Each structure stands twice: as structure tokens, then as C-alpha cells.
Amino acid sequence: MTNNEYVHGYSNREALRLKDQAETLDDIIHNDTVFPKGSLVLEAGC
């Protein structure tokens, strides 16, 4: 599996939509969040 594949096996189009959605929310939710280098983060949505 490559880093670009969606783990649940959605089509390429659906995987792209989900990736775009996650990146949009990342900018909104985490725009001022700083994690120390090497941190592991589990988001509530996981």
C-alpha cells in the first residue's frame, strides 16, 4: 500500500475527496497548533 491509497478501499475519486476534505479541515482546526518534533497525535475523529 502506498501513502496515497485510502485504507478502506474507496475509489480513487472518493479517496481524493476525503483527502481534500481532511486537508481543508486541517487548515481550519490546526492553524495555530504546534506539536513538538516527533510527537504522536490521536485526533478525536480517529
N, C-alpha and C. Protein backbone atom coordinates (compact mmCIF):
# COMPACT_ATOMS: atom_id res chain seq x y z
N MET A 1 0.84 -1.18 0.00
CA MET A 1 0.00 0.00 0.00
C MET A 1 0.88 1.24 0.00
N THR A 2 0.55 2.20 -0.83
CA THR A 2 1.29 3.46 -0.86
C THR A 2 0.62 4.47 0.07
N ASN A 3 1.28 5.57 0.33
CA ASN A 3 0.71 6.60 1.19
C ASN A 3 -0.51 7.28 0.58
N ASN A 4 -0.72 7.12 -0.72
CA ASN A 4 -1.84 7.77 -1.39
C ASN A 4 -3.11 6.94 -1.41
N GLU A 5 -3.04 5.70 -0.99
CA GLU A 5 -4.23 4.83 -1.01
C GLU A 5 -5.03 5.01 0.27
N TYR A 6 -6.35 4.94 0.13
CA TYR A 6 -7.23 5.04 1.29
C TYR A 6 -7.43 3.65 1.84
N VAL A 7 -7.27 3.50 3.12
CA VAL A 7 -7.23 2.18 3.75
C VAL A 7 -8.51 1.35 3.54
N HIS A 8 -9.66 2.00 3.39
CA HIS A 8 -10.90 1.25 3.27
C HIS A 8 -11.26 0.88 1.84
N GLY A 9 -10.39 1.20 0.90
CA GLY A 9 -10.59 0.74 -0.46
C GLY A 9 -11.56 1.54 -1.29
N TYR A 10 -11.82 2.79 -0.95
CA TYR A 10 -12.69 3.60 -1.78
C TYR A 10 -12.04 3.83 -3.14
N SER A 11 -12.85 4.25 -4.09
CA SER A 11 -12.32 4.55 -5.43
C SER A 11 -11.33 5.71 -5.34
N ASN A 12 -10.54 5.86 -6.39
CA ASN A 12 -9.57 6.96 -6.42
C ASN A 12 -10.26 8.31 -6.26
N ARG A 13 -11.41 8.47 -6.88
CA ARG A 13 -12.16 9.74 -6.78
C ARG A 13 -12.59 9.99 -5.33
N GLU A 14 -13.13 8.98 -4.68
CA GLU A 14 -13.58 9.13 -3.29
C GLU A 14 -12.40 9.37 -2.37
N ALA A 15 -11.29 8.68 -2.59
CA ALA A 15 -10.10 8.89 -1.77
C ALA A 15 -9.61 10.33 -1.91
N LEU A 16 -9.64 10.86 -3.11
CA LEU A 16 -9.23 12.25 -3.34
C LEU A 16 -10.17 13.21 -2.63
N ARG A 17 -11.47 12.95 -2.69
CA ARG A 17 -12.44 13.80 -2.00
C ARG A 17 -12.20 13.80 -0.49
N LEU A 18 -11.96 12.64 0.08
CA LEU A 18 -11.71 12.54 1.52
C LEU A 18 -10.41 13.24 1.92
N LYS A 19 -9.39 13.10 1.08
CA LYS A 19 -8.11 13.77 1.34
C LYS A 19 -8.28 15.29 1.29
N ASP A 20 -8.98 15.78 0.28
CA ASP A 20 -9.25 17.22 0.17
C ASP A 20 -10.03 17.73 1.38
N GLN A 21 -11.02 16.96 1.81
CA GLN A 21 -11.82 17.33 2.97
C GLN A 21 -10.95 17.40 4.22
N ALA A 22 -10.10 16.42 4.42
CA ALA A 22 -9.24 16.40 5.61
C ALA A 22 -8.25 17.57 5.59
N GLU A 23 -7.69 17.87 4.43
CA GLU A 23 -6.74 18.97 4.34
C GLU A 23 -7.41 20.31 4.59
N THR A 24 -8.66 20.48 4.14
CA THR A 24 -9.40 21.71 4.39
C THR A 24 -9.64 21.89 5.88
N LEU A 25 -10.09 20.84 6.54
CA LEU A 25 -10.35 20.91 7.98
C LEU A 25 -9.08 21.10 8.77
N ASP A 26 -7.99 20.51 8.30
CA ASP A 26 -6.71 20.66 8.99
C ASP A 26 -6.33 22.13 9.09
N ASP A 27 -6.49 22.87 7.99
CA ASP A 27 -6.17 24.30 8.00
C ASP A 27 -7.05 25.08 8.97
N ILE A 28 -8.30 24.70 9.08
CA ILE A 28 -9.24 25.42 9.96
C ILE A 28 -9.00 25.05 11.43
N ILE A 29 -8.86 23.78 11.71
CA ILE A 29 -8.78 23.30 13.09
C ILE A 29 -7.39 23.50 13.70
N HIS A 30 -6.35 23.26 12.91
CA HIS A 30 -5.00 23.22 13.47
C HIS A 30 -4.12 24.39 13.02
N ASN A 31 -4.72 25.50 12.59
CA ASN A 31 -3.92 26.60 12.06
C ASN A 31 -2.97 27.21 13.08
N ASP A 32 -3.26 27.07 14.38
CA ASP A 32 -2.39 27.66 15.40
C ASP A 32 -1.85 26.61 16.37
N THR A 33 -1.93 25.34 15.98
CA THR A 33 -1.47 24.26 16.83
C THR A 33 -0.02 23.92 16.50
N VAL A 34 0.79 23.75 17.53
CA VAL A 34 2.20 23.40 17.34
C VAL A 34 2.47 22.11 18.11
N PHE A 35 3.02 21.13 17.42
CA PHE A 35 3.39 19.87 18.06
C PHE A 35 4.91 19.76 18.06
N PRO A 36 5.50 19.36 19.19
CA PRO A 36 6.95 19.16 19.21
C PRO A 36 7.36 18.10 18.19
N LYS A 37 8.55 18.24 17.62
CA LYS A 37 9.05 17.29 16.65
C LYS A 37 9.00 15.87 17.22
N GLY A 38 8.48 14.95 16.44
CA GLY A 38 8.40 13.55 16.85
C GLY A 38 7.14 13.20 17.63
N SER A 39 6.25 14.18 17.83
CA SER A 39 5.02 13.93 18.58
C SER A 39 4.12 12.96 17.82
N LEU A 40 3.35 12.18 18.56
CA LEU A 40 2.31 11.34 18.01
C LEU A 40 0.99 11.90 18.50
N VAL A 41 0.06 12.11 17.58
CA VAL A 41 -1.21 12.74 17.92
C VAL A 41 -2.36 11.86 17.47
N LEU A 42 -3.30 11.58 18.36
CA LEU A 42 -4.51 10.87 18.02
C LEU A 42 -5.65 11.87 18.09
N GLU A 43 -6.26 12.14 16.96
CA GLU A 43 -7.35 13.10 16.93
C GLU A 43 -8.65 12.40 17.34
N ALA A 44 -9.56 13.16 17.92
CA ALA A 44 -10.82 12.60 18.39
C ALA A 44 -11.61 11.95 17.27
N GLY A 45 -11.50 12.46 16.06
CA GLY A 45 -12.20 11.90 14.91
C GLY A 45 -11.68 10.55 14.47
N CYS A 46 -10.55 10.13 15.00
CA CYS A 46 -10.00 8.83 14.60
C CYS A 46 -10.79 7.74 15.23
